[in-house]
Amino acid sequence: MRSWFNGKSRPSKANLERLDSAYWVRRRENLIRSGSLKRHLDNDGQGRRMEIYPVDQSAVPQSRDRTNITERSITVRYVWADLVDAWAAQDAGLMDEIWDDVITDLDSNYAAYAYVSSVGIGA
């Protein structure tokens, strides 16, 4: 690493991937340990806006596709501490339970958002 920082060499692609992975693991640990992520997402009890993007339906047979499912946006409150703890513990089951609680606030079509392609957080 010293020669890389001095500009004398460059890590291999495999080592760059390992460095990147180590960075993101340490970054997650630091955000969780400091509590700043929970405070930021909780926003003094006001929560954060979450954008929900539906699963891509292009490969689904036409008789079964749900093309009327659109991107949704919802303000999420009071779950961030539990969600961050579940993320830290890599507890997919608890994260799934929390997700179920979040999507029930959408409307009668909430089951359409049980599986999504991505979620954006307005943080």
Protein backbone atom coordinates (compact mmCIF):
# COMPACT_ATOMS: atom_id res chain seq x y z
CA MET A 1 0.00 0.00 0.00
CA ARG A 2 2.88 2.34 0.75
CA SER A 3 4.21 2.09 -2.81
CA TRP A 4 0.68 2.56 -4.15
CA PHE A 5 0.23 5.74 -2.11
CA ASN A 6 3.63 6.96 -3.29
CA GLY A 7 2.53 6.40 -6.90
CA LYS A 8 5.11 3.67 -7.60
CA SER A 9 2.67 0.78 -8.16
CA ARG A 10 -0.97 -0.08 -8.47
CA PRO A 11 -2.84 -2.93 -6.70
CA SER A 12 -4.18 -5.80 -8.77
CA LYS A 13 -7.88 -5.90 -9.62
CA ALA A 14 -8.44 -8.59 -6.98
CA ASN A 15 -6.70 -6.51 -4.31
CA LEU A 16 -8.67 -3.40 -5.29
CA GLU A 17 -11.88 -5.38 -4.81
CA ARG A 18 -10.68 -6.58 -1.40
CA LEU A 19 -9.78 -3.02 -0.38
CA ASP A 20 -13.16 -1.74 -1.54
CA SER A 21 -14.99 -4.47 0.36
CA ALA A 22 -12.96 -3.79 3.52
CA TYR A 23 -13.69 -0.06 3.23
CA TRP A 24 -17.47 -0.57 3.03
CA VAL A 25 -17.48 -3.06 5.91
CA ARG A 26 -15.53 -0.64 8.12
CA ARG A 27 -17.70 2.29 6.99
CA ARG A 28 -20.87 0.41 7.98
CA GLU A 29 -19.37 -0.53 11.35
CA ASN A 30 -18.36 3.08 12.07
CA LEU A 31 -21.76 4.50 11.11
CA ILE A 32 -23.51 1.98 13.32
CA ARG A 33 -21.15 2.26 16.30
CA SER A 34 -21.29 6.04 16.38
CA GLY A 35 -25.09 6.13 16.28
CA SER A 36 -25.01 8.88 13.68
CA LEU A 37 -26.86 6.80 11.09
CA LYS A 38 -29.77 6.16 13.47
CA ARG A 39 -29.95 9.83 14.44
CA HIS A 40 -29.78 10.97 10.86
CA LEU A 41 -32.50 8.61 9.64
CA ASP A 42 -34.75 9.26 12.65
CA ASN A 43 -34.51 13.00 11.97
CA ASP A 44 -35.73 14.00 15.46
CA GLY A 45 -38.78 11.73 15.14
CA GLN A 46 -39.80 13.09 11.76
CA GLY A 47 -38.34 10.16 9.83
CA ARG A 48 -37.08 10.12 6.28
CA ARG A 49 -38.73 9.86 2.89
CA MET A 50 -38.34 6.47 1.24
CA GLU A 51 -38.76 5.88 -2.49
CA ILE A 52 -39.83 2.35 -3.44
CA TYR A 53 -39.11 1.06 -6.93
CA PRO A 54 -41.10 -1.98 -8.09
CA VAL A 55 -39.60 -5.15 -9.50
CA ASP A 56 -38.91 -5.07 -13.24
CA GLN A 57 -41.88 -6.78 -14.92
CA SER A 58 -40.39 -7.03 -18.43
CA ALA A 59 -39.64 -10.77 -18.16
CA VAL A 60 -43.03 -11.68 -16.67
CA PRO A 61 -45.62 -13.24 -19.01
CA GLN A 62 -48.23 -10.66 -19.99
CA SER A 63 -51.03 -12.60 -18.34
CA ARG A 64 -49.24 -12.32 -14.98
CA ASP A 65 -47.48 -8.98 -15.12
CA ARG A 66 -48.46 -6.07 -12.93
CA THR A 67 -47.51 -3.12 -15.10
CA ASN A 68 -49.74 -0.79 -13.11
CA ILE A 69 -47.30 -0.92 -10.20
CA THR A 70 -45.49 2.41 -10.05
CA GLU A 71 -42.75 3.93 -7.98
CA ARG A 72 -44.02 5.01 -4.56
CA SER A 73 -42.82 7.40 -1.92
CA ILE A 74 -43.61 7.29 1.79
CA THR A 75 -42.31 8.94 4.94
CA VAL A 76 -41.00 6.29 7.30
CA ARG A 77 -40.84 6.98 11.04
CA TYR A 78 -39.96 5.08 14.21
CA VAL A 79 -38.39 2.01 12.58
CA TRP A 80 -34.93 3.33 11.82
CA ALA A 81 -33.20 2.23 15.04
CA ASP A 82 -34.51 -1.32 14.69
CA LEU A 83 -33.73 -1.36 10.98
CA VAL A 84 -30.14 -0.21 11.49
CA ASP A 85 -29.66 -2.80 14.26
CA ALA A 86 -31.04 -5.54 11.99
CA TRP A 87 -28.77 -4.37 9.18
CA ALA A 88 -25.77 -4.41 11.53
CA ALA A 89 -26.57 -7.93 12.65
CA GLN A 90 -27.32 -8.92 9.06
CA ASP A 91 -30.66 -10.24 10.31
CA ALA A 92 -32.63 -10.61 7.08
CA GLY A 93 -35.66 -11.99 8.91
CA LEU A 94 -36.03 -8.91 11.12
CA MET A 95 -35.41 -6.61 8.16
CA ASP A 96 -38.19 -8.43 6.29
CA GLU A 97 -40.57 -7.95 9.25
CA ILE A 98 -39.74 -4.24 9.38
CA TRP A 99 -40.28 -3.98 5.61
CA ASP A 100 -43.70 -5.58 6.01
CA ASP A 101 -44.56 -2.94 8.61
CA VAL A 102 -43.42 -0.16 6.27
CA ILE A 103 -45.38 -1.32 3.23
CA THR A 104 -48.63 -1.85 5.12
CA ASP A 105 -48.84 1.95 5.33
CA LEU A 106 -49.01 2.20 1.52
CA ASP A 107 -52.63 1.20 0.85
CA SER A 108 -54.63 -1.85 -0.17
CA ASN A 109 -52.05 -2.62 -2.88
CA TYR A 110 -49.19 -3.00 -0.39
CA ALA A 111 -48.59 -6.66 -1.26
CA ALA A 112 -47.39 -5.56 -4.69
CA TYR A 113 -44.38 -4.00 -2.93
CA ALA A 114 -43.35 -7.03 -0.91
CA TYR A 115 -40.52 -7.55 -3.40
CA VAL A 116 -38.92 -4.50 -4.97
CA SER A 117 -35.95 -3.79 -7.21
CA SER A 118 -34.58 -1.01 -5.00
CA VAL A 119 -35.31 1.45 -2.23
CA GLY A 120 -34.01 5.02 -2.04
CA ILE A 121 -33.81 6.98 1.19
CA GLY A 122 -34.08 10.74 1.09
CA ALA A 123 -31.27 11.29 3.51
